[in-house]
């Protein structure tokens, strides 16, 4: 446990200035793989949350308070419930009204807990299903969250892998309008991370990141898709 907490602190320190507009958490109940993905019209949205392999994941976006992420991950390590974690990170010291939270754990896969602060930018909101949480703010389309969740559920019903579901869900968000600050570009940064239950904290099974794209340049989600397809091809050839 000491190793996990130390790694959490290192990871969140390095990626402390992270923001996101739409994101997804998924836990696969069959494999207990845990994945998170996000995209934004900001320099880098990688680091908005984290995964404790085999246990759960948290997203802290909008103003993305680093201390709230650390607190949430430490509580996941210690097997607190999503309700207890949400209560803790809604402490006023974390400025919760400027945050957007999502917590999902393997022990309570039927009970994702989300919170959208009153001062986060519209369009904003969140939706959940068994083992899935979708949340977003500063969105171009008021239906974007619904579209993302529908895409994830459809891919899940088709029996696709968790990484494929996350990629499809991110693309659905971009096609629905993405981050309203980016216009037709949709996003300037995007990421996807998946951990198997026996992965080490610093070595997830999949970890792909696009960041720092100039405004008016390429869509970061489309760039991530190309990177993901290359990764998938390598996995299939093993």
C-alpha atoms as a PDB file:
ATOM      1  CA  UNK A   1       0.000   0.000   0.000  1.00  0.00           C
ATOM      2  CA  UNK A   2       2.881   2.387   0.748  1.00  0.00           C
ATOM      3  CA  UNK A   3       4.196   1.836  -2.793  1.00  0.00           C
ATOM      4  CA  UNK A   4       0.793   2.604  -4.309  1.00  0.00           C
ATOM      5  CA  UNK A   5       0.308   5.823  -2.336  1.00  0.00           C
ATOM      6  CA  UNK A   6       3.834   7.020  -3.142  1.00  0.00           C
ATOM      7  CA  UNK A   7       3.226   6.400  -6.834  1.00  0.00           C
ATOM      8  CA  UNK A   8      -0.082   8.260  -6.681  1.00  0.00           C
ATOM      9  CA  UNK A   9       1.644  11.298  -5.215  1.00  0.00           C
ATOM     10  CA  UNK A  10       4.408  11.192  -7.846  1.00  0.00           C
ATOM     11  CA  UNK A  11       1.998  10.849 -10.745  1.00  0.00           C
ATOM     12  CA  UNK A  12      -0.327  13.616  -9.625  1.00  0.00           C
ATOM     13  CA  UNK A  13       2.535  15.990  -8.849  1.00  0.00           C
ATOM     14  CA  UNK A  14       3.952  15.563 -12.341  1.00  0.00           C
ATOM     15  CA  UNK A  15       0.595  16.102 -14.027  1.00  0.00           C
ATOM     16  CA  UNK A  16      -0.888  18.614 -11.609  1.00  0.00           C
ATOM     17  CA  UNK A  17      -2.035  21.199 -14.177  1.00  0.00           C
ATOM     18  CA  UNK A  18      -4.549  19.017 -16.008  1.00  0.00           C
ATOM     19  CA  UNK A  19      -8.000  19.860 -17.313  1.00  0.00           C
ATOM     20  CA  UNK A  20     -10.691  18.033 -19.261  1.00  0.00           C
ATOM     21  CA  UNK A  21     -13.990  18.682 -20.961  1.00  0.00           C
ATOM     22  CA  UNK A  22     -15.403  15.182 -21.427  1.00  0.00           C
ATOM     23  CA  UNK A  23     -14.243  11.963 -19.846  1.00  0.00           C
ATOM     24  CA  UNK A  24     -15.235   8.347 -19.242  1.00  0.00           C
ATOM     25  CA  UNK A  25     -14.529   5.758 -16.544  1.00  0.00           C
ATOM     26  CA  UNK A  26     -15.244   2.087 -17.276  1.00  0.00           C
ATOM     27  CA  UNK A  27     -14.744  -1.067 -15.208  1.00  0.00           C
ATOM     28  CA  UNK A  28     -15.097  -4.386 -17.021  1.00  0.00           C
ATOM     29  CA  UNK A  29     -16.911  -6.725 -14.592  1.00  0.00           C
ATOM     30  CA  UNK A  30     -15.571  -9.840 -16.338  1.00  0.00           C
ATOM     31  CA  UNK A  31     -11.868  -8.972 -16.441  1.00  0.00           C
ATOM     32  CA  UNK A  32     -11.779  -6.259 -13.714  1.00  0.00           C
ATOM     33  CA  UNK A  33      -9.830  -4.071 -16.114  1.00  0.00           C
ATOM     34  CA  UNK A  34     -10.283  -0.390 -15.313  1.00  0.00           C
ATOM     35  CA  UNK A  35     -10.031   2.374 -17.896  1.00  0.00           C
ATOM     36  CA  UNK A  36     -10.276   6.145 -18.072  1.00  0.00           C
ATOM     37  CA  UNK A  37     -10.227   8.466 -21.066  1.00  0.00           C
ATOM     38  CA  UNK A  38     -10.685  12.171 -21.645  1.00  0.00           C
ATOM     39  CA  UNK A  39     -10.330  15.039 -24.088  1.00  0.00           C
ATOM     40  CA  UNK A  40     -10.241  18.819 -23.878  1.00  0.00           C
ATOM     41  CA  UNK A  41      -9.444  22.086 -25.596  1.00  0.00           C
ATOM     42  CA  UNK A  42      -6.578  22.593 -23.144  1.00  0.00           C
ATOM     43  CA  UNK A  43      -2.852  21.965 -23.381  1.00  0.00           C
ATOM     44  CA  UNK A  44      -2.927  18.642 -21.533  1.00  0.00           C
ATOM     45  CA  UNK A  45      -5.818  16.750 -19.944  1.00  0.00           C
ATOM     46  CA  UNK A  46      -3.765  13.695 -18.958  1.00  0.00           C
ATOM     47  CA  UNK A  47      -3.680  13.511 -15.181  1.00  0.00           C
ATOM     48  CA  UNK A  48      -7.298  14.541 -14.497  1.00  0.00           C
ATOM     49  CA  UNK A  49      -7.755  11.284 -12.633  1.00  0.00           C
ATOM     50  CA  UNK A  50      -6.157   7.985 -11.858  1.00  0.00           C
ATOM     51  CA  UNK A  51      -6.609   4.249 -11.511  1.00  0.00           C
ATOM     52  CA  UNK A  52      -5.868   1.964  -8.599  1.00  0.00           C
ATOM     53  CA  UNK A  53      -5.479  -1.385 -10.428  1.00  0.00           C
ATOM     54  CA  UNK A  54      -8.104  -3.910  -9.385  1.00  0.00           C
ATOM     55  CA  UNK A  55      -9.882  -1.403  -7.134  1.00  0.00           C
ATOM     56  CA  UNK A  56     -11.256   1.652  -8.897  1.00  0.00           C
ATOM     57  CA  UNK A  57     -10.765   5.021 -10.548  1.00  0.00           C
ATOM     58  CA  UNK A  58     -11.488   8.695 -10.021  1.00  0.00           C
ATOM     59  CA  UNK A  59     -11.868  11.695 -12.317  1.00  0.00           C
ATOM     60  CA  UNK A  60     -11.440  15.267 -11.066  1.00  0.00           C
ATOM     61  CA  UNK A  61     -11.930  17.691 -13.946  1.00  0.00           C
ATOM     62  CA  UNK A  62     -13.028  21.252 -14.760  1.00  0.00           C
ATOM     63  CA  UNK A  63     -10.596  23.095 -12.419  1.00  0.00           C
ATOM     64  CA  UNK A  64      -9.114  19.657 -11.602  1.00  0.00           C
ATOM     65  CA  UNK A  65      -7.985  20.028  -7.992  1.00  0.00           C
ATOM     66  CA  UNK A  66      -4.813  17.987  -7.460  1.00  0.00           C
ATOM     67  CA  UNK A  67      -5.365  17.510  -3.735  1.00  0.00           C
ATOM     68  CA  UNK A  68      -8.879  16.161  -4.321  1.00  0.00           C
ATOM     69  CA  UNK A  69      -7.480  13.569  -6.735  1.00  0.00           C
ATOM     70  CA  UNK A  70      -4.830  12.499  -4.243  1.00  0.00           C
ATOM     71  CA  UNK A  71      -7.425  12.197  -1.483  1.00  0.00           C
ATOM     72  CA  UNK A  72      -9.781  10.196  -3.679  1.00  0.00           C
ATOM     73  CA  UNK A  73      -7.121   7.765  -4.856  1.00  0.00           C
ATOM     74  CA  UNK A  74      -5.853   7.197  -1.334  1.00  0.00           C
ATOM     75  CA  UNK A  75      -9.395   6.376  -0.237  1.00  0.00           C
ATOM     76  CA  UNK A  76      -9.833   3.943  -3.137  1.00  0.00           C
ATOM     77  CA  UNK A  77      -6.632   2.201  -2.022  1.00  0.00           C
ATOM     78  CA  UNK A  78      -8.140   1.902   1.469  1.00  0.00           C
ATOM     79  CA  UNK A  79     -11.437   0.440   0.139  1.00  0.00           C
ATOM     80  CA  UNK A  80     -13.719   3.315   1.077  1.00  0.00           C
ATOM     81  CA  UNK A  81     -17.095   3.380  -0.665  1.00  0.00           C
ATOM     82  CA  UNK A  82     -17.782   5.825  -3.537  1.00  0.00           C
ATOM     83  CA  UNK A  83     -20.208   7.704  -1.279  1.00  0.00           C
ATOM     84  CA  UNK A  84     -17.557   8.138   1.422  1.00  0.00           C
ATOM     85  CA  UNK A  85     -15.009   9.281  -1.150  1.00  0.00           C
ATOM     86  CA  UNK A  86     -17.409  11.785  -2.695  1.00  0.00           C
ATOM     87  CA  UNK A  87     -18.300  13.170   0.714  1.00  0.00           C
ATOM     88  CA  UNK A  88     -14.612  13.676   1.480  1.00  0.00           C
ATOM     89  CA  UNK A  89     -13.697  15.412  -1.789  1.00  0.00           C
ATOM     90  CA  UNK A  90     -16.713  17.706  -1.575  1.00  0.00           C
ATOM     91  CA  UNK A  91     -15.057  19.292   1.444  1.00  0.00           C
ATOM     92  CA  UNK A  92     -14.964  23.081   0.849  1.00  0.00           C
ATOM     93  CA  UNK A  93     -11.157  23.039   1.024  1.00  0.00           C
ATOM     94  CA  UNK A  94     -11.163  21.346  -2.415  1.00  0.00           C
ATOM     95  CA  UNK A  95     -13.335  24.074  -4.008  1.00  0.00           C
ATOM     96  CA  UNK A  96     -15.908  21.472  -5.151  1.00  0.00           C
ATOM     97  CA  UNK A  97     -18.215  23.913  -6.937  1.00  0.00           C
ATOM     98  CA  UNK A  98     -15.465  24.431  -9.540  1.00  0.00           C
ATOM     99  CA  UNK A  99     -14.821  20.690  -9.903  1.00  0.00           C
ATOM    100  CA  UNK A 100     -16.479  17.814 -11.696  1.00  0.00           C
ATOM    101  CA  UNK A 101     -16.062  14.474  -9.953  1.00  0.00           C
ATOM    102  CA  UNK A 102     -16.636  10.827 -10.828  1.00  0.00           C
ATOM    103  CA  UNK A 103     -15.789   7.817  -8.643  1.00  0.00           C
ATOM    104  CA  UNK A 104     -16.215   4.160  -9.604  1.00  0.00           C
ATOM    105  CA  UNK A 105     -14.962   1.123  -7.697  1.00  0.00           C
ATOM    106  CA  UNK A 106     -14.869  -2.593  -8.431  1.00  0.00           C
ATOM    107  CA  UNK A 107     -16.575  -3.441  -5.152  1.00  0.00           C
ATOM    108  CA  UNK A 108     -19.519  -1.182  -5.996  1.00  0.00           C
ATOM    109  CA  UNK A 109     -19.579  -1.415  -9.775  1.00  0.00           C
ATOM    110  CA  UNK A 110     -23.344  -0.811  -9.807  1.00  0.00           C
ATOM    111  CA  UNK A 111     -22.948   2.470  -7.958  1.00  0.00           C
ATOM    112  CA  UNK A 112     -20.875   5.101  -9.806  1.00  0.00           C
ATOM    113  CA  UNK A 113     -20.989   8.409  -7.932  1.00  0.00           C
ATOM    114  CA  UNK A 114     -20.728  11.740  -9.780  1.00  0.00           C
ATOM    115  CA  UNK A 115     -20.888  15.414  -8.909  1.00  0.00           C
ATOM    116  CA  UNK A 116     -20.896  18.531 -11.077  1.00  0.00           C
ATOM    117  CA  UNK A 117     -20.079  21.756  -9.280  1.00  0.00           C
ATOM    118  CA  UNK A 118     -22.424  24.709  -9.728  1.00  0.00           C
ATOM    119  CA  UNK A 119     -19.614  26.908 -11.087  1.00  0.00           C
ATOM    120  CA  UNK A 120     -18.472  24.569 -13.866  1.00  0.00           C
ATOM    121  CA  UNK A 121     -19.057  25.756 -17.432  1.00  0.00           C
ATOM    122  CA  UNK A 122     -22.090  24.774 -19.464  1.00  0.00           C
ATOM    123  CA  UNK A 123     -23.024  22.663 -21.177  1.00  0.00           C
ATOM    124  CA  UNK A 124     -22.214  20.340 -18.290  1.00  0.00           C
ATOM    125  CA  UNK A 125     -23.453  17.196 -16.606  1.00  0.00           C
ATOM    126  CA  UNK A 126     -22.906  13.489 -16.072  1.00  0.00           C
ATOM    127  CA  UNK A 127     -24.608  10.136 -16.648  1.00  0.00           C
ATOM    128  CA  UNK A 128     -23.885   6.672 -15.272  1.00  0.00           C
ATOM    129  CA  UNK A 129     -24.674   3.033 -15.953  1.00  0.00           C
ATOM    130  CA  UNK A 130     -23.385  -0.206 -14.466  1.00  0.00           C
ATOM    131  CA  UNK A 131     -19.599   0.064 -14.540  1.00  0.00           C
ATOM    132  CA  UNK A 132     -19.625   3.311 -16.560  1.00  0.00           C
ATOM    133  CA  UNK A 133     -19.461   7.001 -15.761  1.00  0.00           C
ATOM    134  CA  UNK A 134     -19.528   9.810 -18.341  1.00  0.00           C
ATOM    135  CA  UNK A 135     -19.036  13.450 -17.390  1.00  0.00           C
ATOM    136  CA  UNK A 136     -18.387  16.705 -19.194  1.00  0.00           C
ATOM    137  CA  UNK A 137     -18.343  20.476 -19.029  1.00  0.00           C
ATOM    138  CA  UNK A 138     -17.723  23.329 -21.493  1.00  0.00           C
ATOM    139  CA  UNK A 139     -19.435  21.148 -24.087  1.00  0.00           C
ATOM    140  CA  UNK A 140     -20.620  22.326 -27.499  1.00  0.00           C
ATOM    141  CA  UNK A 141     -23.785  20.219 -27.440  1.00  0.00           C
ATOM    142  CA  UNK A 142     -26.307  19.775 -24.593  1.00  0.00           C
ATOM    143  CA  UNK A 143     -26.889  16.167 -25.745  1.00  0.00           C
ATOM    144  CA  UNK A 144     -23.198  15.277 -25.797  1.00  0.00           C
ATOM    145  CA  UNK A 145     -23.167  13.299 -22.522  1.00  0.00           C
ATOM    146  CA  UNK A 146     -26.136  11.201 -23.687  1.00  0.00           C
ATOM    147  CA  UNK A 147     -24.450  10.515 -27.013  1.00  0.00           C
ATOM    148  CA  UNK A 148     -21.207   9.431 -25.337  1.00  0.00           C
ATOM    149  CA  UNK A 149     -22.966   7.088 -22.911  1.00  0.00           C
ATOM    150  CA  UNK A 150     -25.115   5.591 -25.694  1.00  0.00           C
ATOM    151  CA  UNK A 151     -21.974   4.915 -27.748  1.00  0.00           C
ATOM    152  CA  UNK A 152     -20.249   3.246 -24.790  1.00  0.00           C
ATOM    153  CA  UNK A 153     -23.268   1.061 -23.986  1.00  0.00           C
ATOM    154  CA  UNK A 154     -23.660   0.030 -27.628  1.00  0.00           C
ATOM    155  CA  UNK A 155     -19.983  -0.931 -27.866  1.00  0.00           C
ATOM    156  CA  UNK A 156     -20.267  -2.812 -24.584  1.00  0.00           C
ATOM    157  CA  UNK A 157     -23.265  -4.807 -25.869  1.00  0.00           C
ATOM    158  CA  UNK A 158     -21.231  -5.697 -28.959  1.00  0.00           C
ATOM    159  CA  UNK A 159     -18.684  -7.327 -26.669  1.00  0.00           C
ATOM    160  CA  UNK A 160     -15.827  -4.978 -27.492  1.00  0.00           C
ATOM    161  CA  UNK A 161     -12.780  -4.669 -25.260  1.00  0.00           C
ATOM    162  CA  UNK A 162     -12.652  -1.906 -22.657  1.00  0.00           C
ATOM    163  CA  UNK A 163      -9.993  -0.014 -24.615  1.00  0.00           C
ATOM    164  CA  UNK A 164     -12.116  -0.094 -27.784  1.00  0.00           C
ATOM    165  CA  UNK A 165     -15.170   1.102 -25.852  1.00  0.00           C
ATOM    166  CA  UNK A 166     -13.237   4.040 -24.385  1.00  0.00           C
ATOM    167  CA  UNK A 167     -11.899   5.045 -27.794  1.00  0.00           C
ATOM    168  CA  UNK A 168     -15.353   4.872 -29.376  1.00  0.00           C
ATOM    169  CA  UNK A 169     -16.857   6.898 -26.528  1.00  0.00           C
ATOM    170  CA  UNK A 170     -14.215   9.617 -26.888  1.00  0.00           C
ATOM    171  CA  UNK A 171     -14.879   9.797 -30.638  1.00  0.00           C
ATOM    172  CA  UNK A 172     -18.622  10.034 -30.015  1.00  0.00           C
ATOM    173  CA  UNK A 173     -17.993  13.081 -27.863  1.00  0.00           C
ATOM    174  CA  UNK A 174     -15.891  14.711 -30.558  1.00  0.00           C
ATOM    175  CA  UNK A 175     -18.463  13.976 -33.277  1.00  0.00           C
ATOM    176  CA  UNK A 176     -21.198  15.424 -31.060  1.00  0.00           C
ATOM    177  CA  UNK A 177     -19.325  18.734 -30.792  1.00  0.00           C
ATOM    178  CA  UNK A 178     -16.473  18.233 -28.350  1.00  0.00           C
ATOM    179  CA  UNK A 179     -15.180  21.218 -26.392  1.00  0.00           C
ATOM    180  CA  UNK A 180     -16.973  24.400 -27.456  1.00  0.00           C
ATOM    181  CA  UNK A 181     -13.747  26.412 -27.136  1.00  0.00           C
ATOM    182  CA  UNK A 182     -12.153  24.428 -29.963  1.00  0.00           C
ATOM    183  CA  UNK A 183     -14.803  24.793 -32.662  1.00  0.00           C
ATOM    184  CA  UNK A 184     -14.360  22.336 -35.526  1.00  0.00           C
ATOM    185  CA  UNK A 185     -11.094  21.066 -34.048  1.00  0.00           C
ATOM    186  CA  UNK A 186     -13.052  19.553 -31.101  1.00  0.00           C
ATOM    187  CA  UNK A 187     -10.011  18.982 -28.812  1.00  0.00           C
ATOM    188  CA  UNK A 188      -6.318  19.843 -28.470  1.00  0.00           C
ATOM    189  CA  UNK A 189      -5.478  17.069 -25.995  1.00  0.00           C
ATOM    190  CA  UNK A 190      -6.759  13.546 -25.334  1.00  0.00           C
ATOM    191  CA  UNK A 191      -5.738  10.356 -23.552  1.00  0.00           C
ATOM    192  CA  UNK A 192      -6.746   6.775 -22.839  1.00  0.00           C
ATOM    193  CA  UNK A 193      -5.442   4.589 -19.984  1.00  0.00           C
ATOM    194  CA  UNK A 194      -6.354   1.007 -19.101  1.00  0.00           C
ATOM    195  CA  UNK A 195      -5.005  -1.062 -16.198  1.00  0.00           C
ATOM    196  CA  UNK A 196      -5.336  -4.797 -15.670  1.00  0.00           C
ATOM    197  CA  UNK A 197      -5.994  -5.913 -12.107  1.00  0.00           C
ATOM    198  CA  UNK A 198      -2.384  -7.083 -11.651  1.00  0.00           C
ATOM    199  CA  UNK A 199      -0.723  -4.051 -13.248  1.00  0.00           C
ATOM    200  CA  UNK A 200       1.679  -1.899 -11.286  1.00  0.00           C
ATOM    201  CA  UNK A 201       0.511   1.651 -10.658  1.00  0.00           C
ATOM    202  CA  UNK A 202       3.127   3.210 -12.948  1.00  0.00           C
ATOM    203  CA  UNK A 203       2.825   0.596 -15.698  1.00  0.00           C
ATOM    204  CA  UNK A 204      -0.737   0.401 -17.010  1.00  0.00           C
ATOM    205  CA  UNK A 205      -1.512  -2.046 -19.794  1.00  0.00           C
ATOM    206  CA  UNK A 206      -2.409   0.854 -22.113  1.00  0.00           C
ATOM    207  CA  UNK A 207      -1.420   4.499 -21.778  1.00  0.00           C
ATOM    208  CA  UNK A 208      -1.692   6.775 -24.823  1.00  0.00           C
ATOM    209  CA  UNK A 209      -1.575  10.572 -24.703  1.00  0.00           C
ATOM    210  CA  UNK A 210      -1.909  13.444 -27.182  1.00  0.00           C
ATOM    211  CA  UNK A 211      -1.216  16.942 -25.866  1.00  0.00           C
ATOM    212  CA  UNK A 212      -0.104  20.421 -26.851  1.00  0.00           C
ATOM    213  CA  UNK A 213      -1.846  20.692 -30.209  1.00  0.00           C
ATOM    214  CA  UNK A 214      -2.140  24.268 -31.430  1.00  0.00           C
ATOM    215  CA  UNK A 215      -5.581  25.839 -31.690  1.00  0.00           C
ATOM    216  CA  UNK A 216      -6.943  25.376 -35.176  1.00  0.00           C
ATOM    217  CA  UNK A 217      -4.729  22.349 -35.766  1.00  0.00           C
ATOM    218  CA  UNK A 218      -5.513  18.652 -35.756  1.00  0.00           C
ATOM    219  CA  UNK A 219      -8.236  17.106 -33.640  1.00  0.00           C
ATOM    220  CA  UNK A 220      -6.476  15.414 -30.711  1.00  0.00           C
ATOM    221  CA  UNK A 221      -9.106  12.657 -30.576  1.00  0.00           C
ATOM    222  CA  UNK A 222      -8.480  11.766 -34.240  1.00  0.00           C
ATOM    223  CA  UNK A 223      -4.748  11.731 -33.515  1.00  0.00           C
ATOM    224  CA  UNK A 224      -5.351   9.475 -30.525  1.00  0.00           C
ATOM    225  CA  UNK A 225      -7.366   7.096 -32.718  1.00  0.00           C
ATOM    226  CA  UNK A 226      -4.358   6.693 -35.057  1.00  0.00           C
ATOM    227  CA  UNK A 227      -2.073   6.069 -32.098  1.00  0.00           C
ATOM    228  CA  UNK A 228      -4.555   3.600 -30.629  1.00  0.00           C
ATOM    229  CA  UNK A 229      -4.918   1.687 -33.919  1.00  0.00           C
ATOM    230  CA  UNK A 230      -1.141   1.252 -34.123  1.00  0.00           C
ATOM    231  CA  UNK A 231      -1.073   0.010 -30.534  1.00  0.00           C
ATOM    232  CA  UNK A 232      -3.931  -2.392 -31.222  1.00  0.00           C
ATOM    233  CA  UNK A 233      -2.194  -3.758 -34.314  1.00  0.00           C
ATOM    234  CA  UNK A 234       0.888  -4.527 -32.257  1.00  0.00           C
ATOM    235  CA  UNK A 235      -1.215  -6.280 -29.616  1.00  0.00           C
ATOM    236  CA  UNK A 236      -2.910  -8.469 -32.220  1.00  0.00           C
ATOM    237  CA  UNK A 237       0.419  -9.434 -33.791  1.00  0.00           C
ATOM    238  CA  UNK A 238       1.832 -10.766 -30.496  1.00  0.00           C
END
